[in-house]
Amino acid sequence: MSTTLHALAERASFATCTEVSLKCPVQATTLGYYPNLGVNVFVALGYAIAGIVTIFFGVRKRTWGFSTAVAAGCILECVGASPLNP
């Protein structure tokens, strides 16, 4: 009976995991994997470049509404893919 209670206590601790440890494996975290810094930097730079190019062509071709929406989306994706996100 005590092993069942011990197993339940370990499972209940997954909800309060703040770092990866023996009781909190990486599979129990929000992402379920270790984020890769190199990939995050690459994706963030890609979105930043796409946002800058969109702003450039939006000003040049005078497509204000469309380019503003697409550039805002690129900037928000860049912030979301930022390696500075915890």
Protein backbone atom coordinates (compact mmCIF):
# COMPACT_ATOMS: atom_id res chain seq x y z
CA MET A 1 0.00 0.00 0.00
CA SER A 2 2.83 2.41 0.82
CA THR A 3 4.40 1.94 -2.61
CA THR A 4 1.10 2.95 -4.23
CA LEU A 5 0.94 6.13 -2.15
CA HIS A 6 4.58 6.86 -2.94
CA ALA A 7 3.90 6.44 -6.68
CA LEU A 8 0.88 8.77 -6.45
CA ALA A 9 2.95 11.37 -4.61
CA GLU A 10 5.59 11.25 -7.35
CA ARG A 11 2.98 11.65 -10.09
CA ALA A 12 1.36 14.55 -8.28
CA SER A 13 4.69 16.38 -8.21
CA PHE A 14 4.65 16.67 -12.04
CA ALA A 15 2.17 19.54 -11.74
CA THR A 16 4.64 21.50 -9.64
CA CYS A 17 7.85 20.76 -11.57
CA THR A 18 10.07 23.83 -11.79
CA GLU A 19 13.20 22.14 -13.14
CA VAL A 20 14.28 18.82 -14.62
CA SER A 21 15.35 16.33 -11.94
CA LEU A 22 14.91 12.64 -11.11
CA LYS A 23 11.34 13.26 -9.89
CA CYS A 24 10.57 15.62 -12.80
CA PRO A 25 11.79 14.08 -16.08
CA VAL A 26 11.92 16.20 -19.22
CA GLN A 27 8.81 14.44 -20.54
CA ALA A 28 6.80 16.00 -17.67
CA THR A 29 7.72 19.56 -18.62
CA THR A 30 5.52 21.89 -20.66
CA LEU A 31 7.45 21.34 -23.90
CA GLY A 32 8.31 17.68 -23.36
CA TYR A 33 11.80 18.15 -24.80
CA TYR A 34 14.93 20.24 -24.29
CA PRO A 35 14.78 23.40 -26.45
CA ASN A 36 17.70 23.78 -28.86
CA LEU A 37 19.29 27.26 -28.74
CA GLY A 38 20.74 27.08 -32.26
CA VAL A 39 17.41 26.23 -33.87
CA ASN A 40 15.61 28.94 -31.89
CA VAL A 41 18.14 31.57 -32.99
CA PHE A 42 17.86 30.43 -36.62
CA VAL A 43 14.04 30.60 -36.59
CA ALA A 44 13.98 33.97 -34.79
CA LEU A 45 16.43 35.44 -37.33
CA GLY A 46 14.35 34.03 -40.19
CA TYR A 47 11.21 35.74 -38.91
CA ALA A 48 13.12 38.98 -38.26
CA ILE A 49 14.46 39.01 -41.83
CA ALA A 50 10.99 38.22 -43.22
CA GLY A 51 9.51 41.09 -41.19
CA ILE A 52 12.13 43.56 -42.42
CA VAL A 53 11.68 42.47 -46.05
CA THR A 54 7.89 42.76 -45.68
CA ILE A 55 8.18 46.29 -44.29
CA PHE A 56 10.59 47.28 -47.09
CA PHE A 57 8.35 46.02 -49.89
CA GLY A 58 5.21 47.29 -48.16
CA VAL A 59 6.59 50.83 -48.10
CA ARG A 60 7.96 50.54 -51.62
CA LYS A 61 4.75 49.15 -53.18
CA ARG A 62 2.37 51.09 -50.89
CA THR A 63 0.47 48.07 -49.59
CA TRP A 64 0.07 49.48 -46.10
CA GLY A 65 -2.65 47.28 -44.60
CA PHE A 66 -1.36 43.95 -45.86
CA SER A 67 2.28 44.66 -45.09
CA THR A 68 1.46 45.95 -41.61
CA ALA A 69 -0.46 42.77 -40.77
CA VAL A 70 2.20 40.44 -42.17
CA ALA A 71 5.07 42.39 -40.55
CA ALA A 72 3.25 42.37 -37.18
CA GLY A 73 2.82 38.60 -37.50
CA CYS A 74 6.52 38.15 -38.33
CA ILE A 75 7.56 40.29 -35.36
CA LEU A 76 5.28 38.40 -32.98
CA GLU A 77 6.58 35.07 -34.29
CA CYS A 78 10.13 36.35 -33.83
CA VAL A 79 9.40 37.20 -30.21
CA GLY A 80 7.76 33.82 -29.68
CA ALA A 81 10.70 31.92 -31.19
CA SER A 82 13.22 34.02 -29.30
CA PRO A 83 15.88 32.08 -27.41
CA LEU A 84 15.32 34.53 -24.54
CA ASN A 85 11.89 33.00 -23.83
CA PRO A 86 11.98 30.83 -20.71
